[in-house]
C-alpha atoms as a PDB file:
ATOM      1  CA  MET A   1     146.774 137.122 109.460  1.00  0.00           C
ATOM      2  CA  LEU A   2     146.711 138.028 105.772  1.00  0.00           C
ATOM      3  CA  ASP A   3     145.806 134.438 104.917  1.00  0.00           C
ATOM      4  CA  VAL A   4     142.583 134.710 106.920  1.00  0.00           C
ATOM      5  CA  PHE A   5     141.475 137.742 104.905  1.00  0.00           C
ATOM      6  CA  VAL A   6     142.339 136.019 101.625  1.00  0.00           C
ATOM      7  CA  TYR A   7     140.334 132.924 102.576  1.00  0.00           C
ATOM      8  CA  LEU A   8     137.441 135.086 103.761  1.00  0.00           C
ATOM      9  CA  ALA A   9     137.464 137.013 100.461  1.00  0.00           C
ATOM     10  CA  VAL A  10     137.495 133.738  98.492  1.00  0.00           C
ATOM     11  CA  VAL A  11     134.541 132.365 100.505  1.00  0.00           C
ATOM     12  CA  MET A  12     132.575 135.586 100.016  1.00  0.00           C
ATOM     13  CA  ALA A  13     133.299 135.593  96.274  1.00  0.00           C
ATOM     14  CA  LEU A  14     132.142 131.972  96.003  1.00  0.00           C
ATOM     15  CA  ALA A  15     128.946 132.832  97.870  1.00  0.00           C
ATOM     16  CA  VAL A  16     128.236 135.722  95.482  1.00  0.00           C
ATOM     17  CA  PHE A  17     128.900 133.499  92.457  1.00  0.00           C
ATOM     18  CA  MET A  18     126.556 130.835  93.835  1.00  0.00           C
ATOM     19  CA  ILE A  19     123.755 133.368  94.392  1.00  0.00           C
ATOM     20  CA  VAL A  20     124.160 134.842  90.900  1.00  0.00           C
ATOM     21  CA  GLY A  21     124.330 131.343  89.409  1.00  0.00           C
ATOM     22  CA  ALA A  22     121.140 130.282  91.213  1.00  0.00           C
ATOM     23  CA  PHE A  23     119.378 133.433  89.973  1.00  0.00           C
ATOM     24  CA  LEU A  24     120.473 132.776  86.380  1.00  0.00           C
ATOM     25  CA  LEU A  25     119.527 129.087  86.613  1.00  0.00           C
ATOM     26  CA  ARG A  26     116.057 129.962  87.902  1.00  0.00           C
ATOM     27  CA  THR A  27     115.652 132.454  85.058  1.00  0.00           C
ATOM     28  CA  PHE A  28     116.815 129.907  82.482  1.00  0.00           C
ATOM     29  CA  LEU A  29     114.496 127.186  83.802  1.00  0.00           C
ATOM     30  CA  ALA A  30     111.535 129.617  83.828  1.00  0.00           C
ATOM     31  CA  GLY A  31     112.093 130.285  80.116  1.00  0.00           C
ATOM     32  CA  GLY A  32     112.907 133.979  80.332  1.00  0.00           C
ATOM     33  CA  SER A  33     115.908 136.035  79.432  1.00  0.00           C
ATOM     34  CA  PRO A  34     118.301 137.379  82.086  1.00  0.00           C
ATOM     35  CA  LYS A  35     117.506 140.951  80.986  1.00  0.00           C
ATOM     36  CA  GLU A  36     113.792 140.423  81.728  1.00  0.00           C
ATOM     37  CA  ALA A  37     114.605 138.783  85.069  1.00  0.00           C
ATOM     38  CA  VAL A  38     116.736 141.728  86.182  1.00  0.00           C
ATOM     39  CA  GLY A  39     113.982 144.080  85.041  1.00  0.00           C
ATOM     40  CA  ARG A  40     111.435 142.168  87.156  1.00  0.00           C
ATOM     41  CA  LEU A  41     113.824 142.225  90.107  1.00  0.00           C
ATOM     42  CA  PHE A  42     113.911 146.037  90.144  1.00  0.00           C
ATOM     43  CA  ALA A  43     110.344 146.642  88.918  1.00  0.00           C
ATOM     44  CA  PRO A  44     107.867 148.403  91.219  1.00  0.00           C
ATOM     45  CA  LYS A  45     105.908 146.095  93.478  1.00  0.00           C
ATOM     46  CA  PRO A  46     102.214 145.556  92.671  1.00  0.00           C
ATOM     47  CA  ASN A  47      99.613 147.264  94.854  1.00  0.00           C
ATOM     48  CA  PRO A  48      98.401 145.094  97.732  1.00  0.00           C
ATOM     49  CA  ARG A  49      94.911 143.635  97.307  1.00  0.00           C
ATOM     50  CA  VAL A  50      94.313 142.846 100.992  1.00  0.00           C
ATOM     51  CA  HIS A  51      94.627 145.172 103.961  1.00  0.00           C
ATOM     52  CA  VAL A  52      93.188 145.702 107.436  1.00  0.00           C
ATOM     53  CA  VAL A  53      90.645 148.516 107.466  1.00  0.00           C
ATOM     54  CA  GLU A  54      89.851 148.517 111.169  1.00  0.00           C
ATOM     55  CA  GLN A  55      90.334 146.360 114.249  1.00  0.00           C
ATOM     56  CA  TYR A  56      88.851 146.340 117.732  1.00  0.00           C
ATOM     57  CA  ASN A  57      89.903 144.407 120.830  1.00  0.00           C
ATOM     58  CA  VAL A  58      86.858 142.659 122.299  1.00  0.00           C
ATOM     59  CA  ASP A  59      88.748 141.347 125.333  1.00  0.00           C
ATOM     60  CA  ASN A  60      92.296 140.248 126.165  1.00  0.00           C
ATOM     61  CA  ARG A  61      92.231 137.372 123.662  1.00  0.00           C
ATOM     62  CA  ARG A  62      89.635 138.120 120.986  1.00  0.00           C
ATOM     63  CA  ARG A  63      89.765 140.776 118.300  1.00  0.00           C
ATOM     64  CA  LEU A  64      87.317 141.932 115.629  1.00  0.00           C
ATOM     65  CA  VAL A  65      89.085 142.648 112.350  1.00  0.00           C
ATOM     66  CA  LEU A  66      87.557 144.297 109.279  1.00  0.00           C
ATOM     67  CA  ILE A  67      89.555 143.238 106.212  1.00  0.00           C
ATOM     68  CA  ARG A  68      89.209 144.676 102.698  1.00  0.00           C
ATOM     69  CA  ARG A  69      90.007 142.525  99.668  1.00  0.00           C
ATOM     70  CA  ASP A  70      89.580 144.347  96.367  1.00  0.00           C
ATOM     71  CA  ASP A  71      86.227 146.143  96.902  1.00  0.00           C
ATOM     72  CA  VAL A  72      84.710 143.709  99.418  1.00  0.00           C
ATOM     73  CA  GLU A  73      85.057 143.802 103.205  1.00  0.00           C
ATOM     74  CA  HIS A  74      84.943 140.856 105.611  1.00  0.00           C
ATOM     75  CA  LEU A  75      84.400 140.954 109.400  1.00  0.00           C
ATOM     76  CA  ILE A  76      86.430 138.310 111.259  1.00  0.00           C
ATOM     77  CA  MET A  77      86.799 137.496 114.964  1.00  0.00           C
ATOM     78  CA  THR A  78      90.234 136.116 115.840  1.00  0.00           C
ATOM     79  CA  GLY A  79      91.973 134.996 118.996  1.00  0.00           C
ATOM     80  CA  GLY A  80      89.387 132.656 120.507  1.00  0.00           C
ATOM     81  CA  PRO A  81      89.506 128.878 120.343  1.00  0.00           C
ATOM     82  CA  VAL A  82      88.408 129.151 116.692  1.00  0.00           C
ATOM     83  CA  ASP A  83      88.652 132.079 114.274  1.00  0.00           C
ATOM     84  CA  VAL A  84      85.161 132.985 113.044  1.00  0.00           C
ATOM     85  CA  VAL A  85      83.992 134.796 109.915  1.00  0.00           C
ATOM     86  CA  ILE A  86      81.114 136.910 111.220  1.00  0.00           C
ATOM     87  CA  GLU A  87      80.074 138.601 107.996  1.00  0.00           C
ATOM     88  CA  THR A  88      81.373 138.409 104.465  1.00  0.00           C
ATOM     89  CA  GLY A  89      80.639 140.267 101.256  1.00  0.00           C
ATOM     90  CA  ILE A  90      80.225 143.700 102.844  1.00  0.00           C
ATOM     91  CA  ALA A  91      80.377 146.371 100.144  1.00  0.00           C
ATOM     92  CA  ALA A  92      83.164 148.871 100.759  1.00  0.00           C
ATOM     93  CA  ARG A  93      81.953 152.296 101.763  1.00  0.00           C
ATOM     94  CA  VAL A  94      82.156 154.970  99.089  1.00  0.00           C
ATOM     95  CA  GLY A  95      84.488 157.818  99.974  1.00  0.00           C
ATOM     96  CA  THR A  96      86.823 155.812 102.207  1.00  0.00           C
ATOM     97  CA  PRO A  97      90.478 155.883 101.216  1.00  0.00           C
ATOM     98  CA  GLN A  98      91.671 152.672  99.637  1.00  0.00           C
ATOM     99  CA  ALA A  99      95.328 151.740  99.669  1.00  0.00           C
ATOM    100  CA  SER A 100      94.987 149.715  96.481  1.00  0.00           C
ATOM    101  CA  LEU A 101      93.593 152.651  94.484  1.00  0.00           C
ATOM    102  CA  GLU A 102      95.712 155.473  95.853  1.00  0.00           C
ATOM    103  CA  GLY A 103      98.956 153.599  96.422  1.00  0.00           C
ATOM    104  CA  GLU A 104      99.124 154.798 100.027  1.00  0.00           C
ATOM    105  CA  GLU A 105      98.964 152.831 103.228  1.00  0.00           C
ATOM    106  CA  THR A 106      95.996 153.655 105.436  1.00  0.00           C
ATOM    107  CA  ALA A 107      96.673 153.559 109.144  1.00  0.00           C
ATOM    108  CA  ALA A 108      94.805 150.837 110.999  1.00  0.00           C
ATOM    109  CA  THR A 109      92.871 151.948 114.049  1.00  0.00           C
ATOM    110  CA  PHE A 110      94.254 150.563 117.305  1.00  0.00           C
ATOM    111  CA  PRO A 111      91.792 151.309 120.093  1.00  0.00           C
ATOM    112  CA  SER A 112      92.735 151.017 123.745  1.00  0.00           C
ATOM    113  CA  ARG A 113      92.856 147.585 125.374  1.00  0.00           C
ATOM    114  CA  VAL A 114      89.801 148.340 127.518  1.00  0.00           C
ATOM    115  CA  PRO A 115      86.583 147.723 125.530  1.00  0.00           C
ATOM    116  CA  VAL A 116      84.075 150.524 125.452  1.00  0.00           C
ATOM    117  CA  ARG A 117      80.795 149.526 127.106  1.00  0.00           C
ATOM    118  CA  PRO A 118      77.601 151.466 126.370  1.00  0.00           C
END
């Protein structure tokens, strides 16, 4: 029974050495130093540039999605036979919270499945 644990430990050690070796090889081939690579590995992630501002279910299959990229919003209809860009280049409203500027995630609006009819 002890032999099984020894073999398992050897296999796990080889796997760790292979992962570390692949990381160092990738760093060497990219032309950087291992110290910089480890620093990039634990560096804070960049702020996301794209996020969903709002979405609305039109029916059971189709959905209207308002997406913000940088400071421009785009209205897209998804879920039909073809995804359609309805409007592009919408200026973002002033005063609305932006995840990319504040570093916080804004909650997307999920309305009920039944569409509201005027």
